[in-house]
Amino acid sequence: MEIMVGAKNDSGLRREYNEDSFLVDKELGLFLVADGMGGHNAGEVASRMAVETIRDVMLNSISRENPSQFNNHDPKLSKNGNLLLTAIKDSNKKIHKAGQEHISQVGMGTTVAAVYYTGARVVIAHVGDSRIYRIRDKRIELLTTDHSLIADQVIRGIITKEEARKSEFKNIITRALGVDEDVKIDIEEQEVMPGDILTICTDGLTDMLEDNEILDIIKMNIDSPQIACEKLVDAANKRGGEDNITVIIVRFVDNEKKSIIKRIFSTFFKKL
């Protein structure tokens, strides 16, 4: 399958700093968003460090044949899953160490949401409240569970989803890279189908827009992930743009179907 990708990062309308970072690497098949936290510019340092470390670890380890060589090897995961797991674990340790060594960066941390595409499957992983959605058969599904105080309360039935959106505590996260020496990472592998669309985003988008609004904007711009990303950011800013906004859209296209469409158009224009 071929992939079409769009990405957009924006400071929003209320924040002095942009603490989001992201990565789009089609050749590697790696797509990341990270939402940093910390005083001054420490959040931006943490999110950038996460993105760069994950990419570098994966690039340096890609030639390893034996997945047991990876740190924190999980026998339930494939080689690709263990590769991403190790990269995120290493980034956590690097951010934590930097926070311990530099006074200006004490307590810094970052969320991460990652997609690693390796053919017919994707590895998805996340820490924090950045999210990954899948659109399939014109329906949107959240593939991640926020690691946040409010999400825990919703799961336990203490508050409703509607109350969660209005809560003053909605941005308190319970997991982040760099806060502790070790971190629990939610990671799984899934099959990919032609037509699937994965949306990876920070909470600057999801705090402003409902899931169905995200779906509608993407459906209206189905042939251009880049335009869809730009429209999503515009919509979030029109709602107030209270935080930095980052969104990546990855669309999986059937090569054979795309080839047939190209031939039809080619034949049509030749007749003209």
C-alpha atoms as a PDB file:
ATOM      1  CA  MET A   1       0.000   0.000   0.000  1.00  0.00           C
ATOM      2  CA  GLU A   2       1.020   3.557  -0.660  1.00  0.00           C
ATOM      3  CA  ILE A   3       0.733   6.184   2.064  1.00  0.00           C
ATOM      4  CA  MET A   4      -0.321   9.811   1.764  1.00  0.00           C
ATOM      5  CA  VAL A   5       0.698  12.091   4.621  1.00  0.00           C
ATOM      6  CA  GLY A   6      -0.105  15.560   5.866  1.00  0.00           C
ATOM      7  CA  ALA A   7       1.116  17.392   8.972  1.00  0.00           C
ATOM      8  CA  LYS A   8       0.560  20.742  10.653  1.00  0.00           C
ATOM      9  CA  ASN A   9       1.941  22.343  13.807  1.00  0.00           C
ATOM     10  CA  ASP A  10       0.624  25.613  15.222  1.00  0.00           C
ATOM     11  CA  SER A  11       1.221  27.595  18.408  1.00  0.00           C
ATOM     12  CA  GLY A  12      -2.474  28.262  18.907  1.00  0.00           C
ATOM     13  CA  LEU A  13      -3.773  31.603  20.127  1.00  0.00           C
ATOM     14  CA  ARG A  14      -3.062  31.585  23.855  1.00  0.00           C
ATOM     15  CA  ARG A  15       0.389  30.089  24.466  1.00  0.00           C
ATOM     16  CA  GLU A  16       3.636  32.060  24.506  1.00  0.00           C
ATOM     17  CA  TYR A  17       5.701  28.956  23.703  1.00  0.00           C
ATOM     18  CA  ASN A  18       5.158  26.132  21.250  1.00  0.00           C
ATOM     19  CA  GLU A  19       6.055  22.978  23.184  1.00  0.00           C
ATOM     20  CA  ASP A  20       4.819  20.507  20.563  1.00  0.00           C
ATOM     21  CA  SER A  21       7.204  18.597  18.300  1.00  0.00           C
ATOM     22  CA  PHE A  22       6.498  16.116  15.542  1.00  0.00           C
ATOM     23  CA  LEU A  23       8.155  13.825  13.009  1.00  0.00           C
ATOM     24  CA  VAL A  24       7.057  12.628   9.576  1.00  0.00           C
ATOM     25  CA  ASP A  25       9.469  10.101   8.059  1.00  0.00           C
ATOM     26  CA  LYS A  26       7.809   8.247   5.189  1.00  0.00           C
ATOM     27  CA  GLU A  27      10.972   6.340   4.320  1.00  0.00           C
ATOM     28  CA  LEU A  28      11.281   4.963   7.839  1.00  0.00           C
ATOM     29  CA  GLY A  29       7.504   4.655   8.202  1.00  0.00           C
ATOM     30  CA  LEU A  30       7.614   6.594  11.468  1.00  0.00           C
ATOM     31  CA  PHE A  31       5.149   9.289  12.535  1.00  0.00           C
ATOM     32  CA  LEU A  32       5.293  10.983  15.953  1.00  0.00           C
ATOM     33  CA  VAL A  33       3.734  13.812  17.924  1.00  0.00           C
ATOM     34  CA  ALA A  34       4.964  14.974  21.328  1.00  0.00           C
ATOM     35  CA  ASP A  35       3.474  17.581  23.662  1.00  0.00           C
ATOM     36  CA  GLY A  36       6.045  18.911  26.114  1.00  0.00           C
ATOM     37  CA  MET A  37       5.594  20.252  29.611  1.00  0.00           C
ATOM     38  CA  GLY A  38       7.895  22.190  31.924  1.00  0.00           C
ATOM     39  CA  GLY A  39       8.896  25.714  32.857  1.00  0.00           C
ATOM     40  CA  HIS A  40      10.278  28.233  30.364  1.00  0.00           C
ATOM     41  CA  ASN A  41      11.280  26.308  27.221  1.00  0.00           C
ATOM     42  CA  ALA A  42      11.834  22.962  28.979  1.00  0.00           C
ATOM     43  CA  GLY A  43       8.679  21.462  27.481  1.00  0.00           C
ATOM     44  CA  GLU A  44       9.903  22.209  23.985  1.00  0.00           C
ATOM     45  CA  VAL A  45      13.272  20.671  24.881  1.00  0.00           C
ATOM     46  CA  ALA A  46      11.604  17.501  26.174  1.00  0.00           C
ATOM     47  CA  SER A  47       9.297  17.041  23.175  1.00  0.00           C
ATOM     48  CA  ARG A  48      12.091  17.680  20.675  1.00  0.00           C
ATOM     49  CA  MET A  49      14.388  15.307  22.566  1.00  0.00           C
ATOM     50  CA  ALA A  50      11.701  12.591  22.476  1.00  0.00           C
ATOM     51  CA  VAL A  51      11.149  12.888  18.738  1.00  0.00           C
ATOM     52  CA  GLU A  52      14.852  13.013  17.874  1.00  0.00           C
ATOM     53  CA  THR A  53      15.854  10.167  20.208  1.00  0.00           C
ATOM     54  CA  ILE A  54      13.103   7.819  19.024  1.00  0.00           C
ATOM     55  CA  ARG A  55      14.047   8.457  15.407  1.00  0.00           C
ATOM     56  CA  ASP A  56      17.781   8.051  16.020  1.00  0.00           C
ATOM     57  CA  VAL A  57      17.449   4.863  18.063  1.00  0.00           C
ATOM     58  CA  MET A  58      15.274   3.282  15.390  1.00  0.00           C
ATOM     59  CA  LEU A  59      17.612   4.291  12.594  1.00  0.00           C
ATOM     60  CA  ASN A  60      20.647   2.941  14.456  1.00  0.00           C
ATOM     61  CA  SER A  61      18.918  -0.315  15.407  1.00  0.00           C
ATOM     62  CA  ILE A  62      17.042  -1.054  12.191  1.00  0.00           C
ATOM     63  CA  SER A  63      19.649  -3.576  11.000  1.00  0.00           C
ATOM     64  CA  ARG A  64      19.438  -5.802  14.077  1.00  0.00           C
ATOM     65  CA  GLU A  65      18.184  -9.262  13.211  1.00  0.00           C
ATOM     66  CA  ASN A  66      17.508 -10.644  16.680  1.00  0.00           C
ATOM     67  CA  PRO A  67      14.751  -8.770  18.551  1.00  0.00           C
ATOM     68  CA  SER A  68      16.018 -10.151  21.877  1.00  0.00           C
ATOM     69  CA  GLN A  69      18.957  -7.755  21.474  1.00  0.00           C
ATOM     70  CA  PHE A  70      16.608  -4.847  22.093  1.00  0.00           C
ATOM     71  CA  ASN A  71      16.377  -3.377  25.579  1.00  0.00           C
ATOM     72  CA  ASN A  72      13.198  -4.325  27.472  1.00  0.00           C
ATOM     73  CA  HIS A  73      12.406  -7.078  24.954  1.00  0.00           C
ATOM     74  CA  ASP A  74       8.706  -8.048  25.030  1.00  0.00           C
ATOM     75  CA  PRO A  75       8.118 -11.565  23.646  1.00  0.00           C
ATOM     76  CA  LYS A  76       4.510 -10.638  22.785  1.00  0.00           C
ATOM     77  CA  LEU A  77       5.711  -8.039  20.295  1.00  0.00           C
ATOM     78  CA  SER A  78       7.307  -8.477  16.892  1.00  0.00           C
ATOM     79  CA  LYS A  79      10.795  -7.190  16.082  1.00  0.00           C
ATOM     80  CA  ASN A  80       9.218  -3.941  14.872  1.00  0.00           C
ATOM     81  CA  GLY A  81       7.164  -3.587  18.037  1.00  0.00           C
ATOM     82  CA  ASN A  82      10.222  -4.136  20.211  1.00  0.00           C
ATOM     83  CA  LEU A  83      12.173  -1.639  18.151  1.00  0.00           C
ATOM     84  CA  LEU A  84       9.636   1.117  18.816  1.00  0.00           C
ATOM     85  CA  LEU A  85       9.300   0.097  22.468  1.00  0.00           C
ATOM     86  CA  THR A  86      13.066   0.311  22.980  1.00  0.00           C
ATOM     87  CA  ALA A  87      13.277   3.670  21.234  1.00  0.00           C
ATOM     88  CA  ILE A  88      10.586   5.191  23.463  1.00  0.00           C
ATOM     89  CA  LYS A  89      12.151   3.699  26.596  1.00  0.00           C
ATOM     90  CA  ASP A  90      15.523   5.158  25.621  1.00  0.00           C
ATOM     91  CA  SER A  91      13.996   8.574  24.998  1.00  0.00           C
ATOM     92  CA  ASN A  92      12.394   8.492  28.443  1.00  0.00           C
ATOM     93  CA  LYS A  93      15.750   7.785  30.097  1.00  0.00           C
ATOM     94  CA  LYS A  94      17.484  10.537  28.122  1.00  0.00           C
ATOM     95  CA  ILE A  95      14.863  13.151  29.013  1.00  0.00           C
ATOM     96  CA  HIS A  96      14.853  12.093  32.665  1.00  0.00           C
ATOM     97  CA  LYS A  97      18.652  12.316  32.849  1.00  0.00           C
ATOM     98  CA  ALA A  98      18.652  15.783  31.265  1.00  0.00           C
ATOM     99  CA  GLY A  99      16.042  16.928  33.770  1.00  0.00           C
ATOM    100  CA  GLN A 100      18.238  15.722  36.627  1.00  0.00           C
ATOM    101  CA  GLU A 101      21.384  17.394  35.291  1.00  0.00           C
ATOM    102  CA  HIS A 102      20.065  20.846  34.372  1.00  0.00           C
ATOM    103  CA  ILE A 103      18.289  23.048  36.903  1.00  0.00           C
ATOM    104  CA  SER A 104      16.292  24.846  34.210  1.00  0.00           C
ATOM    105  CA  GLN A 105      14.896  21.522  32.999  1.00  0.00           C
ATOM    106  CA  VAL A 106      13.967  19.880  36.311  1.00  0.00           C
ATOM    107  CA  GLY A 107      10.573  18.182  36.041  1.00  0.00           C
ATOM    108  CA  MET A 108      10.314  18.501  32.299  1.00  0.00           C
ATOM    109  CA  GLY A 109       8.456  15.801  30.412  1.00  0.00           C
ATOM    110  CA  THR A 110       6.426  15.112  27.307  1.00  0.00           C
ATOM    111  CA  THR A 111       3.645  13.006  25.920  1.00  0.00           C
ATOM    112  CA  VAL A 112       4.243  10.916  22.815  1.00  0.00           C
ATOM    113  CA  ALA A 113       1.984   9.225  20.297  1.00  0.00           C
ATOM    114  CA  ALA A 114       3.714   7.108  17.654  1.00  0.00           C
ATOM    115  CA  VAL A 115       2.808   5.120  14.563  1.00  0.00           C
ATOM    116  CA  TYR A 116       5.362   2.830  12.915  1.00  0.00           C
ATOM    117  CA  TYR A 117       4.252   1.412   9.555  1.00  0.00           C
ATOM    118  CA  THR A 118       6.118  -1.623   8.282  1.00  0.00           C
ATOM    119  CA  GLY A 119       3.964  -3.015   5.460  1.00  0.00           C
ATOM    120  CA  ALA A 120       0.656  -4.666   6.236  1.00  0.00           C
ATOM    121  CA  ARG A 121       0.830  -3.760   9.933  1.00  0.00           C
ATOM    122  CA  VAL A 122       1.320  -0.755  12.146  1.00  0.00           C
ATOM    123  CA  VAL A 123       2.743  -0.486  15.626  1.00  0.00           C
ATOM    124  CA  ILE A 124       0.998   2.182  17.687  1.00  0.00           C
ATOM    125  CA  ALA A 125       2.332   3.416  21.020  1.00  0.00           C
ATOM    126  CA  HIS A 126       1.594   6.275  23.357  1.00  0.00           C
ATOM    127  CA  VAL A 127       2.300   7.844  26.730  1.00  0.00           C
ATOM    128  CA  GLY A 128       0.161  10.704  28.027  1.00  0.00           C
ATOM    129  CA  ASP A 129      -2.895  12.289  26.430  1.00  0.00           C
ATOM    130  CA  SER A 130      -1.795  12.740  22.827  1.00  0.00           C
ATOM    131  CA  ARG A 131      -4.040  10.537  20.719  1.00  0.00           C
ATOM    132  CA  ILE A 132      -4.240   8.206  17.731  1.00  0.00           C
ATOM    133  CA  TYR A 133      -7.512   7.811  15.841  1.00  0.00           C
ATOM    134  CA  ARG A 134      -8.402   5.442  13.022  1.00  0.00           C
ATOM    135  CA  ILE A 135     -10.994   6.218  10.383  1.00  0.00           C
ATOM    136  CA  ARG A 136     -12.334   3.090   8.693  1.00  0.00           C
ATOM    137  CA  ASP A 137     -15.589   2.669   6.777  1.00  0.00           C
ATOM    138  CA  LYS A 138     -16.392   6.335   7.430  1.00  0.00           C
ATOM    139  CA  ARG A 139     -16.311   5.825  11.206  1.00  0.00           C
ATOM    140  CA  ILE A 140     -13.781   7.262  13.644  1.00  0.00           C
ATOM    141  CA  GLU A 141     -12.344   5.180  16.476  1.00  0.00           C
ATOM    142  CA  LEU A 142      -9.988   6.259  19.240  1.00  0.00           C
ATOM    143  CA  LEU A 143      -7.162   3.713  19.405  1.00  0.00           C
ATOM    144  CA  THR A 144      -5.511   5.141  22.525  1.00  0.00           C
ATOM    145  CA  THR A 145      -6.650   5.774  26.089  1.00  0.00           C
ATOM    146  CA  ASP A 146      -5.581   9.062  27.666  1.00  0.00           C
ATOM    147  CA  HIS A 147      -3.223   8.704  30.601  1.00  0.00           C
ATOM    148  CA  SER A 148      -4.874  11.487  32.546  1.00  0.00           C
ATOM    149  CA  LEU A 149      -6.690  12.096  35.818  1.00  0.00           C
ATOM    150  CA  ILE A 150      -9.949  12.843  34.038  1.00  0.00           C
ATOM    151  CA  ALA A 151      -9.768   9.792  31.766  1.00  0.00           C
ATOM    152  CA  ASP A 152      -9.296   7.605  34.844  1.00  0.00           C
ATOM    153  CA  GLN A 153     -12.365   9.169  36.432  1.00  0.00           C
ATOM    154  CA  VAL A 154     -14.441   8.567  33.288  1.00  0.00           C
ATOM    155  CA  ILE A 155     -13.341   4.912  33.160  1.00  0.00           C
ATOM    156  CA  ARG A 156     -14.284   4.466  36.816  1.00  0.00           C
ATOM    157  CA  GLY A 157     -17.682   6.106  36.245  1.00  0.00           C
ATOM    158  CA  ILE A 158     -17.020   9.033  38.570  1.00  0.00           C
ATOM    159  CA  ILE A 159     -17.789  11.623  35.878  1.00  0.00           C
ATOM    160  CA  THR A 160     -19.254  11.548  32.366  1.00  0.00           C
ATOM    161  CA  LYS A 161     -17.413  12.317  29.124  1.00  0.00           C
ATOM    162  CA  GLU A 162     -19.374  15.572  28.883  1.00  0.00           C
ATOM    163  CA  GLU A 163     -18.285  16.594  32.381  1.00  0.00           C
ATOM    164  CA  ALA A 164     -14.702  15.619  31.545  1.00  0.00           C
ATOM    165  CA  ARG A 165     -14.547  18.053  28.640  1.00  0.00           C
ATOM    166  CA  LYS A 166     -15.479  20.941  30.939  1.00  0.00           C
ATOM    167  CA  SER A 167     -13.327  19.934  33.911  1.00  0.00           C
ATOM    168  CA  GLU A 168     -10.602  22.300  35.102  1.00  0.00           C
ATOM    169  CA  PHE A 169      -8.433  19.219  35.693  1.00  0.00           C
ATOM    170  CA  LYS A 170      -8.643  17.843  32.143  1.00  0.00           C
ATOM    171  CA  ASN A 171      -4.970  18.552  31.371  1.00  0.00           C
ATOM    172  CA  ILE A 172      -3.489  16.735  34.371  1.00  0.00           C
ATOM    173  CA  ILE A 173      -1.713  13.705  32.943  1.00  0.00           C
ATOM    174  CA  THR A 174      -0.725  10.611  34.905  1.00  0.00           C
ATOM    175  CA  ARG A 175       2.076   9.406  32.622  1.00  0.00           C
ATOM    176  CA  ALA A 176       4.757  11.252  30.668  1.00  0.00           C
ATOM    177  CA  LEU A 177       8.204  10.623  29.249  1.00  0.00           C
ATOM    178  CA  GLY A 178      11.020  11.959  31.399  1.00  0.00           C
ATOM    179  CA  VAL A 179       9.244  12.342  34.720  1.00  0.00           C
ATOM    180  CA  ASP A 180      10.521   9.049  36.144  1.00  0.00           C
ATOM    181  CA  GLU A 181      13.465   6.822  35.287  1.00  0.00           C
ATOM    182  CA  ASP A 182      11.069   4.218  33.879  1.00  0.00           C
ATOM    183  CA  VAL A 183       7.671   4.601  32.238  1.00  0.00           C
ATOM    184  CA  LYS A 184       4.856   2.279  31.217  1.00  0.00           C
ATOM    185  CA  ILE A 185       4.134   2.464  27.483  1.00  0.00           C
ATOM    186  CA  ASP A 186       0.879   1.368  25.888  1.00  0.00           C
ATOM    187  CA  ILE A 187       1.847  -0.413  22.667  1.00  0.00           C
ATOM    188  CA  GLU A 188       0.104  -2.765  20.256  1.00  0.00           C
ATOM    189  CA  GLU A 189       0.228  -3.978  16.661  1.00  0.00           C
ATOM    190  CA  GLN A 190      -2.678  -3.865  14.228  1.00  0.00           C
ATOM    191  CA  GLU A 191      -3.488  -4.857  10.685  1.00  0.00           C
ATOM    192  CA  VAL A 192      -3.881  -2.071   8.136  1.00  0.00           C
ATOM    193  CA  MET A 193      -6.601  -2.070   5.483  1.00  0.00           C
ATOM    194  CA  PRO A 194      -6.690  -0.051   2.251  1.00  0.00           C
ATOM    195  CA  GLY A 195      -8.573   3.152   2.917  1.00  0.00           C
ATOM    196  CA  ASP A 196      -7.592   3.369   6.582  1.00  0.00           C
ATOM    197  CA  ILE A 197      -6.716   6.827   7.867  1.00  0.00           C
ATOM    198  CA  LEU A 198      -4.695   7.324  11.050  1.00  0.00           C
ATOM    199  CA  THR A 199      -4.768  10.682  12.801  1.00  0.00           C
ATOM    200  CA  ILE A 200      -2.095  11.429  15.397  1.00  0.00           C
ATOM    201  CA  CYS A 201      -2.597  14.595  17.420  1.00  0.00           C
ATOM    202  CA  THR A 202      -1.940  16.520  20.598  1.00  0.00           C
ATOM    203  CA  ASP A 203      -4.679  17.655  22.966  1.00  0.00           C
ATOM    204  CA  GLY A 204      -4.579  21.142  21.490  1.00  0.00           C
ATOM    205  CA  LEU A 205      -6.787  19.641  18.787  1.00  0.00           C
ATOM    206  CA  THR A 206      -8.966  17.260  20.791  1.00  0.00           C
ATOM    207  CA  ASP A 207      -9.727  19.768  23.570  1.00  0.00           C
ATOM    208  CA  MET A 208     -11.230  22.069  20.943  1.00  0.00           C
ATOM    209  CA  LEU A 209     -12.989  19.628  18.596  1.00  0.00           C
ATOM    210  CA  GLU A 210     -15.286  16.640  19.108  1.00  0.00           C
ATOM    211  CA  ASP A 211     -14.330  13.348  17.486  1.00  0.00           C
ATOM    212  CA  ASN A 212     -17.148  13.606  14.934  1.00  0.00           C
ATOM    213  CA  GLU A 213     -16.020  17.102  13.968  1.00  0.00           C
ATOM    214  CA  ILE A 214     -12.539  15.745  13.307  1.00  0.00           C
ATOM    215  CA  LEU A 215     -14.097  12.986  11.197  1.00  0.00           C
ATOM    216  CA  ASP A 216     -16.200  15.421   9.156  1.00  0.00           C
ATOM    217  CA  ILE A 217     -13.255  17.679   8.324  1.00  0.00           C
ATOM    218  CA  ILE A 218     -11.107  14.746   7.220  1.00  0.00           C
ATOM    219  CA  LYS A 219     -13.927  13.275   5.113  1.00  0.00           C
ATOM    220  CA  MET A 220     -14.428  16.632   3.374  1.00  0.00           C
ATOM    221  CA  ASN A 221     -10.709  16.693   2.466  1.00  0.00           C
ATOM    222  CA  ILE A 222     -10.196  12.976   1.909  1.00  0.00           C
ATOM    223  CA  ASP A 223      -7.893  13.388  -1.101  1.00  0.00           C
ATOM    224  CA  SER A 224      -5.496  15.760   0.611  1.00  0.00           C
ATOM    225  CA  PRO A 225      -4.234  14.882   4.102  1.00  0.00           C
ATOM    226  CA  GLN A 226      -2.267  18.141   4.143  1.00  0.00           C
ATOM    227  CA  ILE A 227      -5.340  20.286   3.539  1.00  0.00           C
ATOM    228  CA  ALA A 228      -7.241  18.235   6.121  1.00  0.00           C
ATOM    229  CA  CYS A 229      -4.533  18.963   8.708  1.00  0.00           C
ATOM    230  CA  GLU A 230      -4.662  22.669   7.934  1.00  0.00           C
ATOM    231  CA  LYS A 231      -8.463  22.730   8.193  1.00  0.00           C
ATOM    232  CA  LEU A 232      -8.351  20.925  11.538  1.00  0.00           C
ATOM    233  CA  VAL A 233      -5.874  23.441  12.966  1.00  0.00           C
ATOM    234  CA  ASP A 234      -7.968  26.344  11.631  1.00  0.00           C
ATOM    235  CA  ALA A 235     -11.075  24.878  13.268  1.00  0.00           C
ATOM    236  CA  ALA A 236      -9.291  24.437  16.616  1.00  0.00           C
ATOM    237  CA  ASN A 237      -8.093  28.037  16.515  1.00  0.00           C
ATOM    238  CA  LYS A 238     -11.582  29.285  15.687  1.00  0.00           C
ATOM    239  CA  ARG A 239     -12.757  27.562  18.877  1.00  0.00           C
ATOM    240  CA  GLY A 240     -10.199  29.478  20.901  1.00  0.00           C
ATOM    241  CA  GLY A 241      -6.840  27.842  20.161  1.00  0.00           C
ATOM    242  CA  GLU A 242      -6.121  27.439  23.868  1.00  0.00           C
ATOM    243  CA  ASP A 243      -3.055  25.232  23.383  1.00  0.00           C
ATOM    244  CA  ASN A 244      -0.392  24.315  20.842  1.00  0.00           C
ATOM    245  CA  ILE A 245      -1.894  22.166  18.085  1.00  0.00           C
ATOM    246  CA  THR A 246      -0.180  19.363  16.177  1.00  0.00           C
ATOM    247  CA  VAL A 247      -1.823  16.874  13.837  1.00  0.00           C
ATOM    248  CA  ILE A 248      -0.510  14.239  11.420  1.00  0.00           C
ATOM    249  CA  ILE A 249      -2.788  12.355   9.020  1.00  0.00           C
ATOM    250  CA  VAL A 250      -1.630   9.136   7.359  1.00  0.00           C
ATOM    251  CA  ARG A 251      -3.880   7.702   4.653  1.00  0.00           C
ATOM    252  CA  PHE A 252      -3.303   4.177   3.328  1.00  0.00           C
ATOM    253  CA  VAL A 253      -4.080   3.869  -0.384  1.00  0.00           C
ATOM    254  CA  ASP A 254      -4.600   0.710  -2.429  1.00  0.00           C
ATOM    255  CA  ASN A 255      -1.882   0.869  -5.114  1.00  0.00           C
ATOM    256  CA  GLU A 256      -3.881  -1.202  -7.601  1.00  0.00           C
ATOM    257  CA  LYS A 257      -6.999   0.920  -7.201  1.00  0.00           C
ATOM    258  CA  LYS A 258      -4.974   4.119  -7.543  1.00  0.00           C
ATOM    259  CA  SER A 259      -3.313   2.743 -10.680  1.00  0.00           C
ATOM    260  CA  ILE A 260      -6.694   1.973 -12.273  1.00  0.00           C
ATOM    261  CA  ILE A 261      -7.927   5.501 -11.560  1.00  0.00           C
ATOM    262  CA  LYS A 262      -4.783   6.963 -13.129  1.00  0.00           C
ATOM    263  CA  ARG A 263      -5.268   4.845 -16.264  1.00  0.00           C
ATOM    264  CA  ILE A 264      -8.909   5.938 -16.569  1.00  0.00           C
ATOM    265  CA  PHE A 265      -7.954   9.607 -16.326  1.00  0.00           C
ATOM    266  CA  SER A 266      -5.059   9.126 -18.741  1.00  0.00           C
ATOM    267  CA  THR A 267      -7.318   7.465 -21.310  1.00  0.00           C
ATOM    268  CA  PHE A 268      -9.960  10.159 -20.866  1.00  0.00           C
ATOM    269  CA  PHE A 269      -7.561  13.047 -21.485  1.00  0.00           C
ATOM    270  CA  LYS A 270      -5.994  11.325 -24.471  1.00  0.00           C
ATOM    271  CA  LYS A 271      -9.426  11.148 -26.103  1.00  0.00           C
ATOM    272  CA  LEU A 272      -9.809  14.865 -25.563  1.00  0.00           C
END
